[in-house]
PDB file of N, CA and C in Angstrom:
ATOM      1  N   MET A   1     -78.756  93.895  27.966  1.00  0.00           N
ATOM      2  CA  MET A   1     -78.729  94.480  27.435  1.00  0.00           C
ATOM      3  C   MET A   1     -78.665  96.305  26.543  1.00  0.00           C
ATOM      4  N   LEU A   2     -78.525  96.557  27.471  1.00  0.00           N
ATOM      5  CA  LEU A   2     -77.825  98.221  26.928  1.00  0.00           C
ATOM      6  C   LEU A   2     -76.816  98.057  27.289  1.00  0.00           C
ATOM      7  N   ASN A   3     -75.846  97.305  27.640  1.00  0.00           N
ATOM      8  CA  ASN A   3     -74.974  97.371  27.146  1.00  0.00           C
ATOM      9  C   ASN A   3     -74.522  97.157  26.200  1.00  0.00           C
ATOM     10  N   PHE A   4     -74.150  96.313  25.637  1.00  0.00           N
ATOM     11  CA  PHE A   4     -74.679  95.290  24.689  1.00  0.00           C
ATOM     12  C   PHE A   4     -74.950  96.519  23.429  1.00  0.00           C
ATOM     13  N   ILE A   5     -76.080  97.525  23.443  1.00  0.00           N
ATOM     14  CA  ILE A   5     -76.934  98.741  22.925  1.00  0.00           C
ATOM     15  C   ILE A   5     -75.770  99.048  22.248  1.00  0.00           C
ATOM     16  N   LYS A   6     -74.826  99.812  23.811  1.00  0.00           N
ATOM     17  CA  LYS A   6     -73.789 100.573  23.973  1.00  0.00           C
ATOM     18  C   LYS A   6     -72.607  99.719  22.823  1.00  0.00           C
ATOM     19  N   ASN A   7     -72.262  99.489  22.969  1.00  0.00           N
ATOM     20  CA  ASN A   7     -70.896  98.623  22.577  1.00  0.00           C
ATOM     21  C   ASN A   7     -71.259  98.783  20.890  1.00  0.00           C
ATOM     22  N   PHE A   8     -72.158  97.996  20.671  1.00  0.00           N
ATOM     23  CA  PHE A   8     -72.330  97.450  19.053  1.00  0.00           C
ATOM     24  C   PHE A   8     -72.925  99.153  18.778  1.00  0.00           C
ATOM     25  N   ARG A   9     -73.279 100.583  19.469  1.00  0.00           N
ATOM     26  CA  ARG A   9     -73.071 101.644  18.814  1.00  0.00           C
ATOM     27  C   ARG A   9     -71.334 102.784  18.926  1.00  0.00           C
ATOM     28  N   ASN A  10     -71.306 101.433  19.239  1.00  0.00           N
ATOM     29  CA  ASN A  10     -69.442 102.351  19.566  1.00  0.00           C
ATOM     30  C   ASN A  10     -68.569 101.762  18.889  1.00  0.00           C
ATOM     31  N   ASP A  11     -69.117 100.356  17.935  1.00  0.00           N
ATOM     32  CA  ASP A  11     -68.081  99.572  17.164  1.00  0.00           C
ATOM     33  C   ASP A  11     -67.323 100.373  16.309  1.00  0.00           C
ATOM     34  N   GLU A  12     -66.278 100.083  16.310  1.00  0.00           N
ATOM     35  CA  GLU A  12     -65.816 100.670  14.522  1.00  0.00           C
ATOM     36  C   GLU A  12     -65.866  99.680  13.595  1.00  0.00           C
ATOM     37  N   ASP A  13     -64.832  98.651  14.264  1.00  0.00           N
ATOM     38  CA  ASP A  13     -65.047  97.088  12.787  1.00  0.00           C
ATOM     39  C   ASP A  13     -65.395  96.964  11.836  1.00  0.00           C
ATOM     40  N   GLY A  14     -67.001  97.085  11.370  1.00  0.00           N
ATOM     41  CA  GLY A  14     -66.926  96.831  10.531  1.00  0.00           C
ATOM     42  C   GLY A  14     -67.291  98.147  10.058  1.00  0.00           C
ATOM     43  N   ALA A  15     -67.347  99.345  10.031  1.00  0.00           N
ATOM     44  CA  ALA A  15     -67.311 100.911   9.170  1.00  0.00           C
ATOM     45  C   ALA A  15     -65.726 100.331   8.594  1.00  0.00           C
ATOM     46  N   VAL A  16     -64.939  99.969   9.250  1.00  0.00           N
ATOM     47  CA  VAL A  16     -63.255  99.801   8.974  1.00  0.00           C
ATOM     48  C   VAL A  16     -62.883  98.594   8.449  1.00  0.00           C
ATOM     49  N   THR A  17     -63.550  98.081   7.918  1.00  0.00           N
ATOM     50  CA  THR A  17     -63.668  96.300   6.845  1.00  0.00           C
ATOM     51  C   THR A  17     -64.631  97.176   6.047  1.00  0.00           C
ATOM     52  N   VAL A  18     -65.823  97.435   5.668  1.00  0.00           N
ATOM     53  CA  VAL A  18     -66.773  98.733   4.446  1.00  0.00           C
ATOM     54  C   VAL A  18     -64.936  99.715   3.791  1.00  0.00           C
ATOM     55  N   ASP A  19     -64.860 100.484   4.942  1.00  0.00           N
ATOM     56  CA  ASP A  19     -63.445 101.728   4.116  1.00  0.00           C
ATOM     57  C   ASP A  19     -62.990  99.799   3.206  1.00  0.00           C
ATOM     58  N   TRP A  20     -61.607  99.147   3.857  1.00  0.00           N
ATOM     59  CA  TRP A  20     -61.098  98.368   3.007  1.00  0.00           C
ATOM     60  C   TRP A  20     -61.997  97.788   2.554  1.00  0.00           C
ATOM     61  N   VAL A  21     -62.796  97.546   1.826  1.00  0.00           N
ATOM     62  CA  VAL A  21     -62.844  96.529   0.813  1.00  0.00           C
ATOM     63  C   VAL A  21     -63.670  97.731   0.168  1.00  0.00           C
ATOM     64  N   VAL A  22     -63.654  98.544  -0.197  1.00  0.00           N
ATOM     65  CA  VAL A  22     -64.269 100.307  -1.367  1.00  0.00           C
ATOM     66  C   VAL A  22     -62.925 100.292  -1.944  1.00  0.00           C
ATOM     67  N   LEU A  23     -62.254 100.523  -0.707  1.00  0.00           N
ATOM     68  CA  LEU A  23     -60.469 100.738  -1.406  1.00  0.00           C
ATOM     69  C   LEU A  23     -59.721  99.571  -2.736  1.00  0.00           C
ATOM     70  N   THR A  24     -59.790  99.148  -1.697  1.00  0.00           N
ATOM     71  CA  THR A  24     -59.765  97.474  -2.455  1.00  0.00           C
ATOM     72  C   THR A  24     -60.883  97.481  -4.016  1.00  0.00           C
ATOM     73  N   ALA A  25     -61.799  97.329  -3.993  1.00  0.00           N
ATOM     74  CA  ALA A  25     -62.515  97.623  -5.062  1.00  0.00           C
ATOM     75  C   ALA A  25     -62.175  98.518  -6.327  1.00  0.00           C
ATOM     76  N   ALA A  26     -61.837  99.306  -5.391  1.00  0.00           N
ATOM     77  CA  ALA A  26     -61.279 100.734  -6.670  1.00  0.00           C
ATOM     78  C   ALA A  26     -59.910 100.472  -7.565  1.00  0.00           C
ATOM     79  N   ILE A  27     -58.884  99.474  -6.081  1.00  0.00           N
ATOM     80  CA  ILE A  27     -57.570  99.755  -6.384  1.00  0.00           C
ATOM     81  C   ILE A  27     -57.920  97.958  -7.488  1.00  0.00           C
ATOM     82  N   VAL A  28     -58.286  97.910  -7.400  1.00  0.00           N
ATOM     83  CA  VAL A  28     -58.822  97.002  -8.546  1.00  0.00           C
ATOM     84  C   VAL A  28     -59.301  97.179  -9.804  1.00  0.00           C
ATOM     85  N   ALA A  29     -59.868  97.431  -9.176  1.00  0.00           N
ATOM     86  CA  ALA A  29     -60.800  98.582 -11.172  1.00  0.00           C
ATOM     87  C   ALA A  29     -60.111  99.414 -11.885  1.00  0.00           C
ATOM     88  N   LEU A  30     -58.904 100.178 -11.046  1.00  0.00           N
ATOM     89  CA  LEU A  30     -58.222 100.985 -11.898  1.00  0.00           C
ATOM     90  C   LEU A  30     -56.599  99.957 -12.219  1.00  0.00           C
ATOM     91  N   GLY A  31     -56.451  99.156 -11.333  1.00  0.00           N
ATOM     92  CA  GLY A  31     -56.083  98.290 -12.942  1.00  0.00           C
ATOM     93  C   GLY A  31     -56.004  97.817 -13.327  1.00  0.00           C
ATOM     94  N   LEU A  32     -57.589  97.453 -13.157  1.00  0.00           N
ATOM     95  CA  LEU A  32     -57.960  96.518 -14.959  1.00  0.00           C
ATOM     96  C   LEU A  32     -58.412  97.647 -15.630  1.00  0.00           C
ATOM     97  N   ALA A  33     -58.192  98.650 -15.669  1.00  0.00           N
ATOM     98  CA  ALA A  33     -58.518  99.934 -16.573  1.00  0.00           C
ATOM     99  C   ALA A  33     -57.315 101.028 -16.902  1.00  0.00           C
ATOM    100  N   VAL A  34     -56.178 100.017 -16.261  1.00  0.00           N
ATOM    101  CA  VAL A  34     -54.841 100.328 -16.293  1.00  0.00           C
ATOM    102  C   VAL A  34     -54.222  99.545 -17.835  1.00  0.00           C
ATOM    103  N   GLY A  35     -54.959  98.487 -16.742  1.00  0.00           N
ATOM    104  CA  GLY A  35     -54.342  96.966 -17.762  1.00  0.00           C
ATOM    105  C   GLY A  35     -55.143  96.962 -19.161  1.00  0.00           C
ATOM    106  N   GLY A  36     -55.828  97.412 -19.360  1.00  0.00           N
ATOM    107  CA  GLY A  36     -57.085  97.905 -20.823  1.00  0.00           C
ATOM    108  C   GLY A  36     -56.360  98.117 -21.275  1.00  0.00           C
ATOM    109  N   THR A  37     -56.286  99.265 -21.410  1.00  0.00           N
ATOM    110  CA  THR A  37     -55.143 100.943 -21.396  1.00  0.00           C
ATOM    111  C   THR A  37     -53.947 100.369 -22.431  1.00  0.00           C
ATOM    112  N   VAL A  38     -53.153  99.937 -21.548  1.00  0.00           N
ATOM    113  CA  VAL A  38     -51.903  99.338 -21.546  1.00  0.00           C
ATOM    114  C   VAL A  38     -52.382  97.938 -23.188  1.00  0.00           C
ATOM    115  N   SER A  39     -52.605  97.576 -22.733  1.00  0.00           N
ATOM    116  CA  SER A  39     -53.485  96.363 -23.869  1.00  0.00           C
ATOM    117  C   SER A  39     -53.357  96.573 -25.165  1.00  0.00           C
ATOM    118  N   THR A  40     -54.618  97.636 -25.042  1.00  0.00           N
ATOM    119  CA  THR A  40     -54.789  97.708 -26.164  1.00  0.00           C
ATOM    120  C   THR A  40     -53.404  99.090 -27.096  1.00  0.00           C
ATOM    121  N   GLY A  41     -52.697  99.653 -26.233  1.00  0.00           N
ATOM    122  CA  GLY A  41     -51.395 100.508 -27.589  1.00  0.00           C
ATOM    123  C   GLY A  41     -50.504  99.543 -27.125  1.00  0.00           C
ATOM    124  N   ALA A  42     -50.196  98.942 -26.349  1.00  0.00           N
ATOM    125  CA  ALA A  42     -49.582  97.114 -27.008  1.00  0.00           C
ATOM    126  C   ALA A  42     -49.728  97.182 -28.059  1.00  0.00           C
ATOM    127  N   GLY A  43     -51.072  96.196 -28.409  1.00  0.00           N
ATOM    128  CA  GLY A  43     -51.348  95.701 -29.614  1.00  0.00           C
ATOM    129  C   GLY A  43     -51.187  96.314 -30.736  1.00  0.00           C
ATOM    130  N   ASN A  44     -51.375  97.915 -30.636  1.00  0.00           N
ATOM    131  CA  ASN A  44     -51.127  99.161 -31.913  1.00  0.00           C
ATOM    132  C   ASN A  44     -50.361  99.061 -31.558  1.00  0.00           C
ATOM    133  N   LEU A  45     -49.198  98.823 -30.956  1.00  0.00           N
ATOM    134  CA  LEU A  45     -47.484  99.156 -31.308  1.00  0.00           C
ATOM    135  C   LEU A  45     -47.199  97.942 -31.505  1.00  0.00           C
ATOM    136  N   ALA A  46     -48.104  97.117 -31.545  1.00  0.00           N
ATOM    137  CA  ALA A  46     -46.900  95.983 -32.285  1.00  0.00           C
ATOM    138  C   ALA A  46     -47.599  95.267 -33.184  1.00  0.00           C
ATOM    139  N   THR A  47     -48.494  95.866 -34.243  1.00  0.00           N
ATOM    140  CA  THR A  47     -49.555  95.829 -35.607  1.00  0.00           C
ATOM    141  C   THR A  47     -48.440  97.282 -35.769  1.00  0.00           C
ATOM    142  N   THR A  48     -47.447  98.496 -35.951  1.00  0.00           N
ATOM    143  CA  THR A  48     -47.303  99.200 -36.650  1.00  0.00           C
ATOM    144  C   THR A  48     -46.173  98.373 -36.748  1.00  0.00           C
ATOM    145  N   VAL A  49     -44.922  98.031 -35.878  1.00  0.00           N
ATOM    146  CA  VAL A  49     -44.288  97.286 -35.125  1.00  0.00           C
ATOM    147  C   VAL A  49     -44.130  96.606 -36.709  1.00  0.00           C
ATOM    148  N   ALA A  50     -44.883  95.651 -37.008  1.00  0.00           N
ATOM    149  CA  ALA A  50     -45.136  94.573 -37.752  1.00  0.00           C
ATOM    150  C   ALA A  50     -45.244  95.315 -39.463  1.00  0.00           C
ATOM    151  N   ALA A  51     -45.994  96.863 -39.377  1.00  0.00           N
ATOM    152  CA  ALA A  51     -45.916  96.957 -41.193  1.00  0.00           C
ATOM    153  C   ALA A  51     -44.047  97.214 -41.139  1.00  0.00           C
ATOM    154  N   ASP A  52     -43.675  98.327 -40.301  1.00  0.00           N
ATOM    155  CA  ASP A  52     -42.341  98.866 -40.257  1.00  0.00           C
ATOM    156  C   ASP A  52     -41.920  97.442 -40.971  1.00  0.00           C
ATOM    157  N   ILE A  53     -41.917  95.972 -40.274  1.00  0.00           N
ATOM    158  CA  ILE A  53     -41.329  95.377 -40.267  1.00  0.00           C
ATOM    159  C   ILE A  53     -40.673  94.973 -42.239  1.00  0.00           C
ATOM    160  N   GLU A  54     -42.672  94.963 -41.778  1.00  0.00           N
ATOM    161  CA  GLU A  54     -42.709  94.252 -43.504  1.00  0.00           C
ATOM    162  C   GLU A  54     -42.118  95.124 -44.812  1.00  0.00           C
ATOM    163  N   ALA A  55     -42.235  96.254 -44.308  1.00  0.00           N
ATOM    164  CA  ALA A  55     -42.355  97.726 -45.043  1.00  0.00           C
ATOM    165  C   ALA A  55     -40.742  97.321 -45.725  1.00  0.00           C
ATOM    166  N   VAL A  56     -39.589  97.463 -44.504  1.00  0.00           N
ATOM    167  CA  VAL A  56     -38.263  97.178 -44.566  1.00  0.00           C
ATOM    168  C   VAL A  56     -37.651  96.614 -45.248  1.00  0.00           C
ATOM    169  N   ASP A  57     -38.569  94.841 -45.938  1.00  0.00           N
ATOM    170  CA  ASP A  57     -38.065  93.145 -45.939  1.00  0.00           C
ATOM    171  C   ASP A  57     -38.924  93.335 -47.387  1.00  0.00           C
ATOM    172  N   ASP A  58     -39.307  94.963 -47.903  1.00  0.00           N
ATOM    173  CA  ASP A  58     -39.665  94.234 -49.446  1.00  0.00           C
ATOM    174  C   ASP A  58     -38.340  95.987 -50.204  1.00  0.00           C
TER     175      ASP A  58
END
């Protein structure tokens, strides 16, 4: 039983897993933030281009 406790205390697999989960969550959150920003910018740009094209047609 004492060996089990020593091995459990020295085992770092769980800590590595938590690190990977946190890093993955941060990357996903960053990707969503960038995607939202790019999407908004692209929508605004499309609206501006459409207005310019309509102005040229008139």
